[in-house]
PDB file of N, CA and C in Angstrom:
ATOM      1  N   MET A   1     117.430  10.080  11.596  1.00  0.00           N
ATOM      2  CA  MET A   1     117.565  11.466  11.927  1.00  0.00           C
ATOM      3  C   MET A   1     117.007  11.670  13.332  1.00  0.00           C
ATOM      4  N   LYS A   2     117.744  12.387  14.147  1.00  0.00           N
ATOM      5  CA  LYS A   2     117.311  12.653  15.510  1.00  0.00           C
ATOM      6  C   LYS A   2     116.251  13.737  15.517  1.00  0.00           C
ATOM      7  N   GLN A   3     115.266  13.525  16.390  1.00  0.00           N
ATOM      8  CA  GLN A   3     114.208  14.511  16.517  1.00  0.00           C
ATOM      9  C   GLN A   3     114.474  15.337  17.769  1.00  0.00           C
ATOM     10  N   GLN A   4     114.572  16.619  17.576  1.00  0.00           N
ATOM     11  CA  GLN A   4     114.845  17.494  18.706  1.00  0.00           C
ATOM     12  C   GLN A   4     113.556  17.741  19.477  1.00  0.00           C
ATOM     13  N   ALA A   5     113.713  18.073  20.732  1.00  0.00           N
ATOM     14  CA  ALA A   5     112.548  18.365  21.569  1.00  0.00           C
ATOM     15  C   ALA A   5     111.868  19.625  21.061  1.00  0.00           C
ATOM     16  N   LEU A   6     110.570  19.540  20.888  1.00  0.00           N
ATOM     17  CA  LEU A   6     109.800  20.668  20.389  1.00  0.00           C
ATOM     18  C   LEU A   6     109.266  21.489  21.549  1.00  0.00           C
ATOM     19  N   THR A   7     109.174  22.764  21.313  1.00  0.00           N
ATOM     20  CA  THR A   7     108.555  23.608  22.336  1.00  0.00           C
ATOM     21  C   THR A   7     107.050  23.371  22.289  1.00  0.00           C
ATOM     22  N   ALA A   8     106.345  23.857  23.260  1.00  0.00           N
ATOM     23  CA  ALA A   8     104.899  23.649  23.346  1.00  0.00           C
ATOM     24  C   ALA A   8     104.194  24.295  22.148  1.00  0.00           C
ATOM     25  N   LYS A   9     104.639  25.462  21.725  1.00  0.00           N
ATOM     26  CA  LYS A   9     104.029  26.136  20.583  1.00  0.00           C
ATOM     27  C   LYS A   9     104.287  25.360  19.287  1.00  0.00           C
ATOM     28  N   GLU A  10     105.518  24.868  19.123  1.00  0.00           N
ATOM     29  CA  GLU A  10     105.846  24.099  17.911  1.00  0.00           C
ATOM     30  C   GLU A  10     105.039  22.812  17.855  1.00  0.00           C
ATOM     31  N   ARG A  11     104.916  22.155  19.006  1.00  0.00           N
ATOM     32  CA  ARG A  11     104.134  20.915  19.065  1.00  0.00           C
ATOM     33  C   ARG A  11     102.666  21.188  18.735  1.00  0.00           C
ATOM     34  N   ALA A  12     102.105  22.263  19.293  1.00  0.00           N
ATOM     35  CA  ALA A  12     100.712  22.621  19.013  1.00  0.00           C
ATOM     36  C   ALA A  12     100.537  22.949  17.533  1.00  0.00           C
ATOM     37  N   LEU A  13     101.513  23.634  16.950  1.00  0.00           N
ATOM     38  CA  LEU A  13     101.459  23.954  15.536  1.00  0.00           C
ATOM     39  C   LEU A  13     101.529  22.685  14.677  1.00  0.00           C
ATOM     40  N   GLN A  14     102.386  21.772  15.052  1.00  0.00           N
ATOM     41  CA  GLN A  14     102.507  20.515  14.307  1.00  0.00           C
ATOM     42  C   GLN A  14     101.202  19.705  14.390  1.00  0.00           C
ATOM     43  N   ILE A  15     100.605  19.653  15.555  1.00  0.00           N
ATOM     44  CA  ILE A  15      99.329  18.948  15.721  1.00  0.00           C
ATOM     45  C   ILE A  15      98.249  19.597  14.860  1.00  0.00           C
ATOM     46  N   GLU A  16      98.218  20.912  14.842  1.00  0.00           N
ATOM     47  CA  GLU A  16      97.209  21.627  14.040  1.00  0.00           C
ATOM     48  C   GLU A  16      97.421  21.376  12.544  1.00  0.00           C
ATOM     49  N   LEU A  17      98.669  21.307  12.119  1.00  0.00           N
ATOM     50  CA  LEU A  17      98.954  21.004  10.714  1.00  0.00           C
ATOM     51  C   LEU A  17      98.491  19.591  10.337  1.00  0.00           C
ATOM     52  N   VAL A  18      98.701  18.643  11.228  1.00  0.00           N
ATOM     53  CA  VAL A  18      98.252  17.272  10.969  1.00  0.00           C
ATOM     54  C   VAL A  18      96.727  17.215  10.908  1.00  0.00           C
ATOM     55  N   ARG A  19      96.067  17.925  11.793  1.00  0.00           N
ATOM     56  CA  ARG A  19      94.595  17.967  11.770  1.00  0.00           C
ATOM     57  C   ARG A  19      94.073  18.606  10.482  1.00  0.00           C
ATOM     58  N   THR A  20      94.732  19.684  10.056  1.00  0.00           N
ATOM     59  CA  THR A  20      94.324  20.357   8.821  1.00  0.00           C
ATOM     60  C   THR A  20      94.508  19.445   7.620  1.00  0.00           C
ATOM     61  N   ARG A  21      95.643  18.759   7.562  1.00  0.00           N
ATOM     62  CA  ARG A  21      95.887  17.825   6.459  1.00  0.00           C
ATOM     63  C   ARG A  21      94.833  16.718   6.448  1.00  0.00           C
ATOM     64  N   ALA A  22      94.486  16.198   7.619  1.00  0.00           N
ATOM     65  CA  ALA A  22      93.468  15.146   7.698  1.00  0.00           C
ATOM     66  C   ALA A  22      92.106  15.672   7.232  1.00  0.00           C
ATOM     67  N   ALA A  23      91.774  16.901   7.601  1.00  0.00           N
ATOM     68  CA  ALA A  23      90.504  17.485   7.172  1.00  0.00           C
ATOM     69  C   ALA A  23      90.470  17.665   5.655  1.00  0.00           C
ATOM     70  N   LEU A  24      91.585  18.115   5.072  1.00  0.00           N
ATOM     71  CA  LEU A  24      91.657  18.265   3.621  1.00  0.00           C
ATOM     72  C   LEU A  24      91.538  16.916   2.908  1.00  0.00           C
ATOM     73  N   GLU A  25      92.169  15.888   3.465  1.00  0.00           N
ATOM     74  CA  GLU A  25      92.067  14.560   2.862  1.00  0.00           C
ATOM     75  C   GLU A  25      90.643  14.013   2.952  1.00  0.00           C
ATOM     76  N   ARG A  26      89.958  14.270   4.066  1.00  0.00           N
ATOM     77  CA  ARG A  26      88.560  13.849   4.185  1.00  0.00           C
ATOM     78  C   ARG A  26      87.684  14.563   3.166  1.00  0.00           C
ATOM     79  N   GLN A  27      87.920  15.852   2.973  1.00  0.00           N
ATOM     80  CA  GLN A  27      87.148  16.606   1.981  1.00  0.00           C
ATOM     81  C   GLN A  27      87.409  16.077   0.570  1.00  0.00           C
ATOM     82  N   ALA A  28      88.658  15.776   0.265  1.00  0.00           N
ATOM     83  CA  ALA A  28      88.990  15.249  -1.060  1.00  0.00           C
ATOM     84  C   ALA A  28      88.342  13.882  -1.270  1.00  0.00           C
ATOM     85  N   MET A  29      88.330  13.054  -0.244  1.00  0.00           N
ATOM     86  CA  MET A  29      87.697  11.741  -0.337  1.00  0.00           C
ATOM     87  C   MET A  29      86.195  11.889  -0.542  1.00  0.00           C
ATOM     88  N   SER A  30      85.589  12.794   0.203  1.00  0.00           N
ATOM     89  CA  SER A  30      84.152  13.034   0.066  1.00  0.00           C
ATOM     90  C   SER A  30      83.816  13.531  -1.336  1.00  0.00           C
ATOM     91  N   ARG A  31      84.614  14.449  -1.851  1.00  0.00           N
ATOM     92  CA  ARG A  31      84.398  14.978  -3.198  1.00  0.00           C
ATOM     93  C   ARG A  31      84.565  13.876  -4.243  1.00  0.00           C
ATOM     94  N   GLY A  32      85.557  13.002  -4.061  1.00  0.00           N
ATOM     95  CA  GLY A  32      85.771  11.892  -4.989  1.00  0.00           C
ATOM     96  C   GLY A  32      84.607  10.914  -5.001  1.00  0.00           C
ATOM     97  N   VAL A  33      84.069  10.606  -3.831  1.00  0.00           N
ATOM     98  CA  VAL A  33      82.919   9.702  -3.749  1.00  0.00           C
ATOM     99  C   VAL A  33      81.692  10.345  -4.392  1.00  0.00           C
ATOM    100  N   ARG A  34      81.503  11.633  -4.151  1.00  0.00           N
ATOM    101  CA  ARG A  34      80.374  12.344  -4.747  1.00  0.00           C
ATOM    102  C   ARG A  34      80.502  12.379  -6.275  1.00  0.00           C
ATOM    103  N   ASN A  35      81.702  12.649  -6.785  1.00  0.00           N
ATOM    104  CA  ASN A  35      81.917  12.657  -8.232  1.00  0.00           C
ATOM    105  C   ASN A  35      81.704  11.282  -8.833  1.00  0.00           C
ATOM    106  N   LEU A  36      82.142  10.239  -8.139  1.00  0.00           N
ATOM    107  CA  LEU A  36      81.935   8.883  -8.629  1.00  0.00           C
ATOM    108  C   LEU A  36      80.449   8.570  -8.711  1.00  0.00           C
ATOM    109  N   GLY A  37      79.703   8.981  -7.693  1.00  0.00           N
ATOM    110  CA  GLY A  37      78.256   8.773  -7.717  1.00  0.00           C
ATOM    111  C   GLY A  37      77.599   9.484  -8.878  1.00  0.00           C
ATOM    112  N   GLU A  38      78.052  10.698  -9.178  1.00  0.00           N
ATOM    113  CA  GLU A  38      77.498  11.439 -10.318  1.00  0.00           C
ATOM    114  C   GLU A  38      77.892  10.789 -11.640  1.00  0.00           C
ATOM    115  N   ASP A  39      79.117  10.266 -11.730  1.00  0.00           N
ATOM    116  CA  ASP A  39      79.580   9.629 -12.967  1.00  0.00           C
ATOM    117  C   ASP A  39      78.868   8.315 -13.245  1.00  0.00           C
ATOM    118  N   LEU A  40      78.347   7.670 -12.214  1.00  0.00           N
ATOM    119  CA  LEU A  40      77.706   6.369 -12.399  1.00  0.00           C
ATOM    120  C   LEU A  40      76.187   6.474 -12.550  1.00  0.00           C
ATOM    121  N   ARG A  41      75.647   7.665 -12.593  1.00  0.00           N
ATOM    122  CA  ARG A  41      74.214   7.822 -12.852  1.00  0.00           C
ATOM    123  C   ARG A  41      73.927   7.371 -14.275  1.00  0.00           C
ATOM    124  N   PRO A  42      72.754   6.792 -14.494  1.00  0.00           N
ATOM    125  CA  PRO A  42      72.431   6.306 -15.847  1.00  0.00           C
ATOM    126  C   PRO A  42      72.548   7.374 -16.926  1.00  0.00           C
ATOM    127  N   SER A  43      72.137   8.595 -16.634  1.00  0.00           N
ATOM    128  CA  SER A  43      72.229   9.646 -17.654  1.00  0.00           C
ATOM    129  C   SER A  43      73.683   9.970 -17.991  1.00  0.00           C
ATOM    130  N   ALA A  44      74.561   9.962 -16.987  1.00  0.00           N
ATOM    131  CA  ALA A  44      75.974  10.241 -17.245  1.00  0.00           C
ATOM    132  C   ALA A  44      76.623   9.104 -18.029  1.00  0.00           C
ATOM    133  N   VAL A  45      76.241   7.867 -17.698  1.00  0.00           N
ATOM    134  CA  VAL A  45      76.779   6.723 -18.442  1.00  0.00           C
ATOM    135  C   VAL A  45      76.312   6.788 -19.888  1.00  0.00           C
ATOM    136  N   LEU A  46      75.046   7.129 -20.105  1.00  0.00           N
ATOM    137  CA  LEU A  46      74.527   7.240 -21.467  1.00  0.00           C
ATOM    138  C   LEU A  46      75.235   8.345 -22.231  1.00  0.00           C
ATOM    139  N   ARG A  47      75.473   9.480 -21.573  1.00  0.00           N
ATOM    140  CA  ARG A  47      76.188  10.571 -22.227  1.00  0.00           C
ATOM    141  C   ARG A  47      77.614  10.186 -22.573  1.00  0.00           C
ATOM    142  N   SER A  48      78.262   9.351 -21.750  1.00  0.00           N
ATOM    143  CA  SER A  48      79.628   8.944 -22.066  1.00  0.00           C
ATOM    144  C   SER A  48      79.660   7.948 -23.219  1.00  0.00           C
ATOM    145  N   VAL A  49      78.604   7.144 -23.368  1.00  0.00           N
ATOM    146  CA  VAL A  49      78.536   6.213 -24.498  1.00  0.00           C
ATOM    147  C   VAL A  49      78.227   6.982 -25.777  1.00  0.00           C
ATOM    148  N   PHE A  50      77.245   7.875 -25.700  1.00  0.00           N
ATOM    149  CA  PHE A  50      76.842   8.683 -26.850  1.00  0.00           C
ATOM    150  C   PHE A  50      76.975  10.152 -26.464  1.00  0.00           C
ATOM    151  N   PRO A  51      78.162  10.752 -26.626  1.00  0.00           N
ATOM    152  CA  PRO A  51      78.395  12.113 -26.131  1.00  0.00           C
ATOM    153  C   PRO A  51      77.482  13.166 -26.733  1.00  0.00           C
ATOM    154  N   ARG A  52      77.127  13.034 -27.988  1.00  0.00           N
ATOM    155  CA  ARG A  52      76.289  14.046 -28.615  1.00  0.00           C
ATOM    156  C   ARG A  52      74.899  13.490 -28.891  1.00  0.00           C
ATOM    157  N   ALA A  53      74.374  12.748 -27.938  1.00  0.00           N
ATOM    158  CA  ALA A  53      73.102  12.053 -28.146  1.00  0.00           C
ATOM    159  C   ALA A  53      71.945  13.015 -28.368  1.00  0.00           C
ATOM    160  N   THR A  54      71.964  14.146 -27.739  1.00  0.00           N
ATOM    161  CA  THR A  54      70.835  15.060 -27.847  1.00  0.00           C
ATOM    162  C   THR A  54      70.797  15.776 -29.189  1.00  0.00           C
ATOM    163  N   SER A  55      71.946  15.926 -29.833  1.00  0.00           N
ATOM    164  CA  SER A  55      71.971  16.681 -31.077  1.00  0.00           C
ATOM    165  C   SER A  55      71.852  15.791 -32.316  1.00  0.00           C
ATOM    166  N   ARG A  56      71.675  14.511 -32.127  1.00  0.00           N
ATOM    167  CA  ARG A  56      71.630  13.601 -33.269  1.00  0.00           C
ATOM    168  C   ARG A  56      70.206  13.369 -33.745  1.00  0.00           C
ATOM    169  N   SER A  57      70.094  13.187 -35.043  1.00  0.00           N
ATOM    170  CA  SER A  57      68.793  12.856 -35.615  1.00  0.00           C
ATOM    171  C   SER A  57      68.635  11.338 -35.638  1.00  0.00           C
ATOM    172  N   ALA A  58      67.472  10.872 -36.064  1.00  0.00           N
ATOM    173  CA  ALA A  58      67.205   9.435 -36.103  1.00  0.00           C
ATOM    174  C   ALA A  58      68.136   8.729 -37.078  1.00  0.00           C
ATOM    175  N   SER A  59      68.447   9.367 -38.202  1.00  0.00           N
ATOM    176  CA  SER A  59      69.359   8.731 -39.163  1.00  0.00           C
ATOM    177  C   SER A  59      70.769   8.628 -38.599  1.00  0.00           C
ATOM    178  N   ASP A  60      71.179   9.626 -37.819  1.00  0.00           N
ATOM    179  CA  ASP A  60      72.493   9.544 -37.172  1.00  0.00           C
ATOM    180  C   ASP A  60      72.538   8.398 -36.167  1.00  0.00           C
ATOM    181  N   TRP A  61      71.430   8.222 -35.421  1.00  0.00           N
ATOM    182  CA  TRP A  61      71.352   7.105 -34.470  1.00  0.00           C
ATOM    183  C   TRP A  61      71.446   5.771 -35.204  1.00  0.00           C
ATOM    184  N   LEU A  62      70.726   5.664 -36.311  1.00  0.00           N
ATOM    185  CA  LEU A  62      70.736   4.427 -37.081  1.00  0.00           C
ATOM    186  C   LEU A  62      72.134   4.136 -37.614  1.00  0.00           C
ATOM    187  N   PHE A  63      72.802   5.153 -38.131  1.00  0.00           N
ATOM    188  CA  PHE A  63      74.166   4.976 -38.620  1.00  0.00           C
ATOM    189  C   PHE A  63      75.099   4.555 -37.487  1.00  0.00           C
ATOM    190  N   GLN A  64      74.933   5.152 -36.309  1.00  0.00           N
ATOM    191  CA  GLN A  64      75.748   4.792 -35.146  1.00  0.00           C
ATOM    192  C   GLN A  64      75.539   3.327 -34.764  1.00  0.00           C
ATOM    193  N   VAL A  65      74.282   2.880 -34.761  1.00  0.00           N
ATOM    194  CA  VAL A  65      73.978   1.488 -34.417  1.00  0.00           C
ATOM    195  C   VAL A  65      74.592   0.543 -35.448  1.00  0.00           C
ATOM    196  N   ILE A  66      74.467   0.883 -36.721  1.00  0.00           N
ATOM    197  CA  ILE A  66      75.028   0.026 -37.769  1.00  0.00           C
ATOM    198  C   ILE A  66      76.551  -0.042 -37.653  1.00  0.00           C
ATOM    199  N   SER A  67      77.186   1.091 -37.428  1.00  0.00           N
ATOM    200  CA  SER A  67      78.644   1.072 -37.307  1.00  0.00           C
ATOM    201  C   SER A  67      79.094   0.295 -36.071  1.00  0.00           C
ATOM    202  N   LEU A  68      78.317   0.396 -34.967  1.00  0.00           N
ATOM    203  CA  LEU A  68      78.671  -0.374 -33.771  1.00  0.00           C
ATOM    204  C   LEU A  68      78.504  -1.873 -33.996  1.00  0.00           C
ATOM    205  N   THR A  69      77.447  -2.268 -34.717  1.00  0.00           N
ATOM    206  CA  THR A  69      77.251  -3.696 -34.950  1.00  0.00           C
ATOM    207  C   THR A  69      78.298  -4.255 -35.909  1.00  0.00           C
ATOM    208  N   ARG A  70      78.775  -3.433 -36.813  1.00  0.00           N
ATOM    209  CA  ARG A  70      79.866  -3.893 -37.680  1.00  0.00           C
ATOM    210  C   ARG A  70      81.171  -4.011 -36.918  1.00  0.00           C
ATOM    211  N   ARG A  71      81.408  -3.061 -36.051  1.00  0.00           N
ATOM    212  CA  ARG A  71      82.649  -3.070 -35.290  1.00  0.00           C
ATOM    213  C   ARG A  71      82.638  -4.150 -34.203  1.00  0.00           C
ATOM    214  N   TYR A  72      81.480  -4.351 -33.586  1.00  0.00           N
ATOM    215  CA  TYR A  72      81.356  -5.324 -32.502  1.00  0.00           C
ATOM    216  C   TYR A  72      80.237  -6.306 -32.832  1.00  0.00           C
ATOM    217  N   PRO A  73      80.533  -7.388 -33.551  1.00  0.00           N
ATOM    218  CA  PRO A  73      79.487  -8.341 -33.929  1.00  0.00           C
ATOM    219  C   PRO A  73      78.827  -9.013 -32.728  1.00  0.00           C
ATOM    220  N   LEU A  74      79.494  -9.025 -31.608  1.00  0.00           N
ATOM    221  CA  LEU A  74      78.910  -9.607 -30.406  1.00  0.00           C
ATOM    222  C   LEU A  74      77.651  -8.846 -29.988  1.00  0.00           C
ATOM    223  N   LEU A  75      77.598  -7.543 -30.291  1.00  0.00           N
ATOM    224  CA  LEU A  75      76.398  -6.766 -29.974  1.00  0.00           C
ATOM    225  C   LEU A  75      75.179  -7.292 -30.720  1.00  0.00           C
ATOM    226  N   THR A  76      75.373  -7.641 -31.995  1.00  0.00           N
ATOM    227  CA  THR A  76      74.258  -8.150 -32.788  1.00  0.00           C
ATOM    228  C   THR A  76      73.763  -9.475 -32.233  1.00  0.00           C
ATOM    229  N   SER A  77      74.686 -10.377 -31.920  1.00  0.00           N
ATOM    230  CA  SER A  77      74.261 -11.669 -31.393  1.00  0.00           C
ATOM    231  C   SER A  77      73.636 -11.525 -30.013  1.00  0.00           C
ATOM    232  N   SER A  78      74.140 -10.589 -29.207  1.00  0.00           N
ATOM    233  CA  SER A  78      73.550 -10.362 -27.884  1.00  0.00           C
ATOM    234  C   SER A  78      72.144  -9.797 -28.013  1.00  0.00           C
ATOM    235  N   ALA A  79      71.964  -8.870 -28.949  1.00  0.00           N
ATOM    236  CA  ALA A  79      70.638  -8.284 -29.149  1.00  0.00           C
ATOM    237  C   ALA A  79      69.646  -9.340 -29.625  1.00  0.00           C
ATOM    238  N   SER A  80      70.069 -10.207 -30.534  1.00  0.00           N
ATOM    239  CA  SER A  80      69.157 -11.251 -30.998  1.00  0.00           C
ATOM    240  C   SER A  80      68.849 -12.242 -29.885  1.00  0.00           C
ATOM    241  N   ALA A  81      69.829 -12.525 -29.032  1.00  0.00           N
ATOM    242  CA  ALA A  81      69.585 -13.420 -27.901  1.00  0.00           C
ATOM    243  C   ALA A  81      68.609 -12.785 -26.912  1.00  0.00           C
ATOM    244  N   LEU A  82      68.740 -11.478 -26.720  1.00  0.00           N
ATOM    245  CA  LEU A  82      67.812 -10.781 -25.834  1.00  0.00           C
ATOM    246  C   LEU A  82      66.388 -10.821 -26.365  1.00  0.00           C
ATOM    247  N   LEU A  83      66.250 -10.618 -27.657  1.00  0.00           N
ATOM    248  CA  LEU A  83      64.919 -10.583 -28.246  1.00  0.00           C
ATOM    249  C   LEU A  83      64.292 -11.966 -28.364  1.00  0.00           C
ATOM    250  N   SER A  84      65.121 -13.021 -28.464  1.00  0.00           N
ATOM    251  CA  SER A  84      64.558 -14.359 -28.628  1.00  0.00           C
ATOM    252  C   SER A  84      64.126 -14.987 -27.303  1.00  0.00           C
ATOM    253  N   GLY A  85      64.778 -14.651 -26.214  1.00  0.00           N
ATOM    254  CA  GLY A  85      64.441 -15.251 -24.919  1.00  0.00           C
ATOM    255  C   GLY A  85      63.430 -14.423 -24.168  1.00  0.00           C
ATOM    256  N   VAL A  86      62.149 -14.693 -24.382  1.00  0.00           N
ATOM    257  CA  VAL A  86      61.102 -13.885 -23.751  1.00  0.00           C
ATOM    258  C   VAL A  86      61.102 -14.084 -22.248  1.00  0.00           C
ATOM    259  N   GLY A  87      61.200 -15.314 -21.768  1.00  0.00           N
ATOM    260  CA  GLY A  87      61.159 -15.583 -20.332  1.00  0.00           C
ATOM    261  C   GLY A  87      62.435 -15.176 -19.628  1.00  0.00           C
ATOM    262  N   LYS A  88      63.523 -15.140 -20.346  1.00  0.00           N
ATOM    263  CA  LYS A  88      64.819 -14.835 -19.746  1.00  0.00           C
ATOM    264  C   LYS A  88      65.233 -13.390 -19.981  1.00  0.00           C
ATOM    265  N   ARG A  89      64.329 -12.588 -20.473  1.00  0.00           N
ATOM    266  CA  ARG A  89      64.671 -11.225 -20.877  1.00  0.00           C
ATOM    267  C   ARG A  89      65.214 -10.396 -19.713  1.00  0.00           C
ATOM    268  N   ARG A  90      64.611 -10.495 -18.548  1.00  0.00           N
ATOM    269  CA  ARG A  90      65.046  -9.697 -17.401  1.00  0.00           C
ATOM    270  C   ARG A  90      66.493 -10.035 -17.017  1.00  0.00           C
ATOM    271  N   ARG A  91      66.830 -11.301 -17.035  1.00  0.00           N
ATOM    272  CA  ARG A  91      68.192 -11.704 -16.692  1.00  0.00           C
ATOM    273  C   ARG A  91      69.185 -11.155 -17.715  1.00  0.00           C
ATOM    274  N   TRP A  92      68.843 -11.219 -18.996  1.00  0.00           N
ATOM    275  CA  TRP A  92      69.738 -10.714 -20.037  1.00  0.00           C
ATOM    276  C   TRP A  92      69.933  -9.205 -19.911  1.00  0.00           C
ATOM    277  N   TRP A  93      68.873  -8.496 -19.564  1.00  0.00           N
ATOM    278  CA  TRP A  93      69.009  -7.058 -19.391  1.00  0.00           C
ATOM    279  C   TRP A  93      69.950  -6.742 -18.237  1.00  0.00           C
ATOM    280  N   ARG A  94      69.856  -7.499 -17.171  1.00  0.00           N
ATOM    281  CA  ARG A  94      70.762  -7.284 -16.034  1.00  0.00           C
ATOM    282  C   ARG A  94      72.199  -7.565 -16.420  1.00  0.00           C
ATOM    283  N   ILE A  95      72.414  -8.656 -17.154  1.00  0.00           N
ATOM    284  CA  ILE A  95      73.771  -8.994 -17.588  1.00  0.00           C
ATOM    285  C   ILE A  95      74.309  -7.900 -18.517  1.00  0.00           C
ATOM    286  N   ALA A  96      73.486  -7.475 -19.469  1.00  0.00           N
ATOM    287  CA  ALA A  96      73.916  -6.430 -20.400  1.00  0.00           C
ATOM    288  C   ALA A  96      74.211  -5.122 -19.663  1.00  0.00           C
ATOM    289  N   GLY A  97      73.370  -4.769 -18.717  1.00  0.00           N
ATOM    290  CA  GLY A  97      73.604  -3.558 -17.927  1.00  0.00           C
ATOM    291  C   GLY A  97      74.889  -3.654 -17.122  1.00  0.00           C
ATOM    292  N   GLY A  98      75.137  -4.813 -16.535  1.00  0.00           N
ATOM    293  CA  GLY A  98      76.376  -5.009 -15.778  1.00  0.00           C
ATOM    294  C   GLY A  98      77.604  -4.913 -16.668  1.00  0.00           C
ATOM    295  N   LEU A  99      77.517  -5.502 -17.857  1.00  0.00           N
ATOM    296  CA  LEU A  99      78.641  -5.420 -18.794  1.00  0.00           C
ATOM    297  C   LEU A  99      78.882  -3.980 -19.242  1.00  0.00           C
ATOM    298  N   LEU A 100      77.809  -3.267 -19.540  1.00  0.00           N
ATOM    299  CA  LEU A 100      77.948  -1.881 -19.960  1.00  0.00           C
ATOM    300  C   LEU A 100      78.535  -1.027 -18.848  1.00  0.00           C
ATOM    301  N   LEU A 101      78.059  -1.225 -17.640  1.00  0.00           N
ATOM    302  CA  LEU A 101      78.578  -0.471 -16.506  1.00  0.00           C
ATOM    303  C   LEU A 101      80.056  -0.781 -16.276  1.00  0.00           C
ATOM    304  N   SER A 102      80.431  -2.059 -16.335  1.00  0.00           N
ATOM    305  CA  SER A 102      81.828  -2.447 -16.149  1.00  0.00           C
ATOM    306  C   SER A 102      82.716  -1.827 -17.214  1.00  0.00           C
ATOM    307  N   TRP A 103      82.239  -1.838 -18.449  1.00  0.00           N
ATOM    308  CA  TRP A 103      83.014  -1.278 -19.548  1.00  0.00           C
ATOM    309  C   TRP A 103      83.215   0.224 -19.354  1.00  0.00           C
ATOM    310  N   GLN A 104      82.168   0.922 -18.933  1.00  0.00           N
ATOM    311  CA  GLN A 104      82.273   2.365 -18.736  1.00  0.00           C
ATOM    312  C   GLN A 104      83.203   2.708 -17.573  1.00  0.00           C
ATOM    313  N   VAL A 105      83.127   1.941 -16.498  1.00  0.00           N
ATOM    314  CA  VAL A 105      84.008   2.199 -15.358  1.00  0.00           C
ATOM    315  C   VAL A 105      85.451   1.968 -15.763  1.00  0.00           C
ATOM    316  N   ALA A 106      85.718   0.870 -16.486  1.00  0.00           N
ATOM    317  CA  ALA A 106      87.086   0.593 -16.937  1.00  0.00           C
ATOM    318  C   ALA A 106      87.566   1.676 -17.894  1.00  0.00           C
ATOM    319  N   ARG A 107      86.697   2.144 -18.775  1.00  0.00           N
ATOM    320  CA  ARG A 107      87.068   3.165 -19.735  1.00  0.00           C
ATOM    321  C   ARG A 107      87.355   4.492 -19.032  1.00  0.00           C
ATOM    322  N   SER A 108      86.526   4.852 -18.058  1.00  0.00           N
ATOM    323  CA  SER A 108      86.745   6.121 -17.355  1.00  0.00           C
ATOM    324  C   SER A 108      88.004   6.056 -16.482  1.00  0.00           C
ATOM    325  N   MET A 109      88.276   4.910 -15.906  1.00  0.00           N
ATOM    326  CA  MET A 109      89.498   4.777 -15.102  1.00  0.00           C
ATOM    327  C   MET A 109      90.727   4.854 -16.004  1.00  0.00           C
ATOM    328  N   GLY A 110      90.635   4.296 -17.204  1.00  0.00           N
ATOM    329  CA  GLY A 110      91.754   4.367 -18.144  1.00  0.00           C
ATOM    330  C   GLY A 110      92.035   5.786 -18.573  1.00  0.00           C
ATOM    331  N   ARG A 111      90.995   6.608 -18.742  1.00  0.00           N
ATOM    332  CA  ARG A 111      91.186   8.004 -19.127  1.00  0.00           C
ATOM    333  C   ARG A 111      91.826   8.806 -18.021  1.00  0.00           C
ATOM    334  N   LYS A 112      91.473   8.508 -16.783  1.00  0.00           N
ATOM    335  CA  LYS A 112      92.013   9.266 -15.662  1.00  0.00           C
ATOM    336  C   LYS A 112      93.494   8.972 -15.452  1.00  0.00           C
ATOM    337  N   HIS A 113      93.945   7.774 -15.830  1.00  0.00           N
ATOM    338  CA  HIS A 113      95.341   7.409 -15.635  1.00  0.00           C
ATOM    339  C   HIS A 113      96.227   7.868 -16.777  1.00  0.00           C
ATOM    340  N   ASP A 114      95.642   8.327 -17.877  1.00  0.00           N
ATOM    341  CA  ASP A 114      96.459   8.772 -19.024  1.00  0.00           C
ATOM    342  C   ASP A 114      97.086  10.101 -18.799  1.00  0.00           C
TER     343      ASP A 114
END
């Protein structure tokens, strides 16, 4: 498609529109980074794992743990491995935290694409 010569006012208007679009995209990027930072805070991750954590009693927590260990037997073996390795405990906590964080990020990204 041929581009016709623009007048000075049209060119200035087009430049201003491009600048405005760039400013809006920068704001959207900044907002997205800020939201991601808020979503990755430990309290937000905990709330996403246990959405009604504050309203649950101790028996509800116990039932939740039992149902999770039945559904995911790897959790039970991981917990026993964590408790048995006294010298390696810090490393296991880091690995478990990394796995939990990865799982939450993948889960939240899957929800956003649905």
